[in-house]
Amino acid sequence: MSKPLQHFKFGTVKRSQIKFADYNPRIIDESNQKKLIKAIRENGLIEPLVWNKRTGVLVGGHQRLTAADKIYRKKDYEVPVAIIDVDEKTEKKLNVQLNNPSIQGDWDLDELADLSKDVSFDDMGFDKSDIDFMFDGEVDFDGKIKDEPPESKKETPYDDEVEDEKDKLASLAEFNKKKADFRHKDKDTTIINFYTKVVFPSNEAKEEFYKKANIPANEEFITFDQLKRYFEKK
């Protein structure tokens, strides 16, 4: 015979009977707490908190009870709870398990985006930064998929300087070509080359170098002055 799933009893207890767990590792910022208070004002508590009868400690629902306290202004009131009776070690284990997102699954982003057509992200309790993070900036806070912006080069104070250097390099390339042609006629002539190529050990090393030297990340040519800036900052 299988073990019954229900290891609790539904009931209500006075708020004064409930103690917060002083070890509770969960926190909430002010903006999200305001959203929680708004949700409880609109819909009430639609699931019970979890309370350990043996210790009097709240096991699950700290943020909701804090929000309810703000609504009731510290008046003693009835709280719907799932009553359990466990030792302190089990209590602490359940405190984390009940709030651990790692064992509660993750979002199907396609389904979440579809759901936002009927219920806004704001009403779901998300803020813009949440949506930007989850959808990598591809979905607006109103649920619309963003159009791909045209890729454009970010202007920097060094753009004119780099363009001048490109022109200079083009001229040098033409100069070297002429010198090379002349070398066929005069074997003792030395070709003068004013530029070189640098091979970085990794893309990360290149990105770090460009960042320190204030060089646009997509730039292929750099000036001697930009190179000096890197070493001057070291």
Protein backbone atom coordinates (compact mmCIF):
# COMPACT_ATOMS: atom_id res chain seq x y z
CA MET A 1 0.00 0.00 0.00
CA SER A 2 1.42 3.37 -1.02
CA LYS A 3 2.14 6.02 1.57
CA PRO A 4 -0.50 8.81 1.65
CA LEU A 5 0.60 12.08 0.07
CA GLN A 6 -0.99 14.38 2.62
CA HIS A 7 1.29 14.89 5.61
CA PHE A 8 -0.47 18.01 6.87
CA LYS A 9 -3.81 19.25 8.11
CA PHE A 10 -5.60 22.33 6.89
CA GLY A 11 -6.44 24.83 9.58
CA THR A 12 -6.21 28.39 10.78
CA VAL A 13 -4.10 29.84 13.57
CA LYS A 14 -3.82 33.25 15.11
CA ARG A 15 -1.07 35.43 13.70
CA SER A 16 0.31 35.75 17.22
CA GLN A 17 0.97 31.99 17.26
CA ILE A 18 3.30 32.14 14.26
CA LYS A 19 7.02 32.79 14.63
CA PHE A 20 9.21 33.73 11.68
CA ALA A 21 12.15 31.39 11.03
CA ASP A 22 15.22 33.37 12.03
CA TYR A 23 17.29 31.20 9.66
CA ASN A 24 15.08 31.80 6.63
CA PRO A 25 17.45 32.56 3.69
CA ARG A 26 14.83 34.07 1.41
CA ILE A 27 14.69 37.84 0.86
CA ILE A 28 12.56 40.20 -1.22
CA ASP A 29 13.22 43.74 -2.40
CA GLU A 30 10.83 46.61 -1.78
CA SER A 31 9.43 46.82 -5.32
CA ASN A 32 8.55 43.12 -5.44
CA GLN A 33 7.08 43.25 -1.94
CA LYS A 34 4.75 46.02 -3.12
CA LYS A 35 3.65 43.79 -6.00
CA LEU A 36 2.99 40.96 -3.56
CA ILE A 37 0.94 43.22 -1.28
CA LYS A 38 -1.09 44.39 -4.30
CA ALA A 39 -1.71 40.77 -5.37
CA ILE A 40 -2.86 39.74 -1.88
CA ARG A 41 -5.14 42.78 -1.64
CA GLU A 42 -6.74 41.82 -4.96
CA ASN A 43 -6.92 38.03 -4.57
CA GLY A 44 -6.25 37.25 -0.91
CA LEU A 45 -4.15 34.25 0.13
CA ILE A 46 -5.12 31.57 -2.36
CA GLU A 47 -2.94 28.87 -0.81
CA PRO A 48 -2.13 28.23 2.86
CA LEU A 49 1.14 29.02 4.53
CA VAL A 50 3.10 26.13 6.05
CA TRP A 51 3.38 26.14 9.83
CA ASN A 52 5.19 23.69 12.12
CA LYS A 53 2.94 22.93 15.10
CA ARG A 54 5.80 21.45 17.10
CA THR A 55 7.94 24.61 17.11
CA GLY A 56 5.42 27.31 16.18
CA VAL A 57 7.74 28.37 13.34
CA LEU A 58 6.63 29.38 9.85
CA VAL A 59 8.14 26.97 7.32
CA GLY A 60 6.85 28.39 4.04
CA GLY A 61 5.28 31.75 3.23
CA HIS A 62 7.44 34.36 4.98
CA GLN A 63 7.04 36.99 2.26
CA ARG A 64 3.27 36.49 2.06
CA LEU A 65 2.89 36.74 5.83
CA THR A 66 5.02 39.91 5.90
CA ALA A 67 2.77 41.36 3.20
CA ALA A 68 -0.35 40.36 5.15
CA ASP A 69 1.10 42.05 8.27
CA LYS A 70 1.36 45.30 6.31
CA ILE A 71 -2.22 44.94 5.14
CA TYR A 72 -3.60 44.17 8.62
CA ARG A 73 -1.32 46.73 10.32
CA LYS A 74 -0.13 44.27 13.02
CA LYS A 75 -3.65 43.36 14.16
CA ASP A 76 -4.00 39.76 15.32
CA TYR A 77 -5.81 37.90 12.55
CA GLU A 78 -6.59 34.39 11.38
CA VAL A 79 -4.06 32.85 9.01
CA PRO A 80 -4.88 29.83 6.81
CA VAL A 81 -2.12 27.26 7.19
CA ALA A 82 -1.06 23.76 6.28
CA ILE A 83 -0.14 22.37 9.71
CA ILE A 84 2.81 19.99 9.94
CA ASP A 85 4.48 18.40 12.95
CA VAL A 86 8.20 17.82 12.35
CA ASP A 87 11.52 18.16 14.14
CA GLU A 88 13.72 21.23 13.68
CA LYS A 89 16.10 19.61 11.16
CA THR A 90 13.22 18.53 8.91
CA GLU A 91 11.68 21.97 9.34
CA LYS A 92 14.84 23.67 8.04
CA LYS A 93 15.10 21.25 5.14
CA LEU A 94 11.49 21.94 4.13
CA ASN A 95 12.01 25.69 4.49
CA VAL A 96 14.56 25.59 1.67
CA GLN A 97 12.84 22.94 -0.45
CA LEU A 98 9.56 24.87 -0.53
CA ASN A 99 11.36 27.93 -1.94
CA ASN A 100 14.09 26.33 -4.03
CA PRO A 101 13.52 27.16 -7.75
CA SER A 102 15.98 24.43 -8.75
CA ILE A 103 13.48 21.72 -7.80
CA GLN A 104 10.41 23.60 -8.98
CA GLY A 105 11.15 23.61 -12.71
CA ASP A 106 11.79 26.53 -15.06
CA TRP A 107 9.85 28.72 -17.46
CA ASP A 108 8.95 27.61 -20.97
CA LEU A 109 9.64 31.01 -22.51
CA ASP A 110 7.49 30.41 -25.62
CA GLU A 111 4.50 29.47 -23.45
CA LEU A 112 5.18 32.40 -21.13
CA ALA A 113 5.27 34.82 -24.06
CA ASP A 114 1.97 33.38 -25.37
CA LEU A 115 0.43 33.69 -21.91
CA SER A 116 1.39 37.37 -21.81
CA LYS A 117 -1.18 37.99 -24.57
CA ASP A 118 -3.90 37.32 -21.99
CA VAL A 119 -2.15 38.29 -18.74
CA SER A 120 0.44 41.06 -18.75
CA PHE A 121 3.95 40.44 -17.45
CA ASP A 122 3.25 43.15 -14.88
CA ASP A 123 0.20 41.29 -13.56
CA MET A 124 2.28 38.10 -13.43
CA GLY A 125 4.63 39.91 -11.04
CA PHE A 126 7.56 40.44 -13.42
CA ASP A 127 9.29 43.75 -14.02
CA LYS A 128 11.03 44.95 -17.18
CA SER A 129 14.48 43.81 -16.04
CA ASP A 130 13.13 40.28 -15.45
CA ILE A 131 11.75 40.08 -18.98
CA ASP A 132 14.86 41.60 -20.57
CA PHE A 133 16.99 39.03 -18.75
CA MET A 134 14.83 35.97 -19.50
CA PHE A 135 14.20 36.83 -23.16
CA ASP A 136 17.64 38.38 -23.77
CA GLY A 137 16.03 41.67 -24.79
CA GLU A 138 14.06 40.09 -27.66
CA VAL A 139 10.60 40.61 -26.13
CA ASP A 140 9.11 43.92 -24.97
CA PHE A 141 7.51 44.23 -21.55
CA ASP A 142 4.13 44.34 -23.31
CA GLY A 143 4.84 40.89 -24.79
CA LYS A 144 5.67 41.99 -28.35
CA ILE A 145 8.69 40.51 -30.11
CA LYS A 146 11.18 43.24 -30.93
CA ASP A 147 12.29 43.85 -34.50
CA GLU A 148 15.99 43.27 -35.10
CA PRO A 149 17.65 46.71 -35.16
CA PRO A 150 20.07 47.38 -38.00
CA GLU A 151 23.64 46.85 -36.88
CA SER A 152 25.43 50.15 -36.61
CA LYS A 153 28.92 51.05 -35.56
CA LYS A 154 29.11 52.84 -32.23
CA GLU A 155 30.73 56.22 -32.62
CA THR A 156 33.69 57.00 -30.41
CA PRO A 157 35.98 60.01 -30.05
CA TYR A 158 38.58 58.06 -32.02
CA ASP A 159 36.56 57.34 -35.17
CA ASP A 160 38.13 60.15 -37.24
CA GLU A 161 41.56 59.13 -35.99
CA VAL A 162 41.01 55.52 -37.07
CA GLU A 163 39.63 56.52 -40.48
CA ASP A 164 42.70 58.69 -41.07
CA GLU A 165 44.90 55.74 -40.16
CA LYS A 166 43.04 53.52 -42.64
CA ASP A 167 43.72 56.03 -45.39
CA LYS A 168 47.36 56.14 -44.34
CA LEU A 169 47.61 52.34 -44.44
CA ALA A 170 46.05 52.24 -47.90
CA SER A 171 48.66 54.73 -49.08
CA LEU A 172 51.43 52.68 -47.47
CA ALA A 173 50.18 49.54 -49.15
CA GLU A 174 50.38 51.26 -52.50
CA PHE A 175 53.83 52.57 -51.59
CA ASN A 176 55.08 49.10 -50.69
CA LYS A 177 53.68 47.68 -53.90
CA LYS A 178 55.69 50.20 -55.88
CA LYS A 179 58.81 49.43 -53.84
CA ALA A 180 58.28 45.73 -54.44
CA ASP A 181 58.05 46.35 -58.18
CA PHE A 182 61.24 48.38 -58.00
CA ARG A 183 63.01 45.63 -56.04
CA HIS A 184 62.83 43.38 -59.06
CA LYS A 185 65.07 45.91 -60.77
CA ASP A 186 67.33 46.66 -57.79
CA LYS A 187 68.01 43.66 -55.50
CA ASP A 188 69.73 45.87 -52.89
CA THR A 189 66.64 48.04 -52.25
CA THR A 190 64.99 47.56 -48.82
CA ILE A 191 61.19 47.66 -48.64
CA ILE A 192 59.93 50.02 -45.94
CA ASN A 193 56.82 48.77 -44.06
CA PHE A 194 55.12 51.01 -41.48
CA TYR A 195 52.50 48.58 -40.23
CA THR A 196 52.37 45.12 -38.72
CA LYS A 197 49.85 42.44 -37.71
CA VAL A 198 49.21 41.31 -34.15
CA VAL A 199 47.83 37.85 -33.33
CA PHE A 200 46.12 37.61 -29.94
CA PRO A 201 46.14 34.30 -28.01
CA SER A 202 42.34 34.40 -27.71
CA ASN A 203 39.31 36.51 -28.52
CA GLU A 204 39.00 37.32 -24.81
CA ALA A 205 42.54 38.71 -24.77
CA LYS A 206 41.75 40.87 -27.79
CA GLU A 207 38.54 42.18 -26.21
CA GLU A 208 40.39 43.05 -23.00
CA PHE A 209 43.11 44.88 -24.95
CA TYR A 210 40.56 46.87 -26.99
CA LYS A 211 38.61 47.77 -23.86
CA LYS A 212 41.65 49.09 -22.01
CA ALA A 213 42.74 51.10 -25.03
CA ASN A 214 39.23 52.50 -25.67
CA ILE A 215 39.12 50.99 -29.15
CA PRO A 216 35.79 50.05 -30.80
CA ALA A 217 35.30 46.29 -30.48
CA ASN A 218 34.73 45.78 -34.22
CA GLU A 219 37.73 47.83 -35.34
CA GLU A 220 40.31 46.02 -37.51
CA PHE A 221 42.91 48.80 -37.63
CA ILE A 222 44.37 50.67 -34.67
CA THR A 223 46.73 53.61 -34.45
CA PHE A 224 50.07 53.90 -32.70
CA ASP A 225 48.52 56.43 -30.30
CA GLN A 226 45.81 53.91 -29.36
CA LEU A 227 48.49 51.32 -28.72
CA LYS A 228 50.32 53.77 -26.46
CA ARG A 229 47.14 54.42 -24.48
CA TYR A 230 46.97 50.74 -23.57
CA PHE A 231 50.49 50.66 -22.15
CA GLU A 232 50.07 54.01 -20.41
CA LYS A 233 47.10 52.59 -18.47
CA LYS A 234 48.95 49.50 -17.31
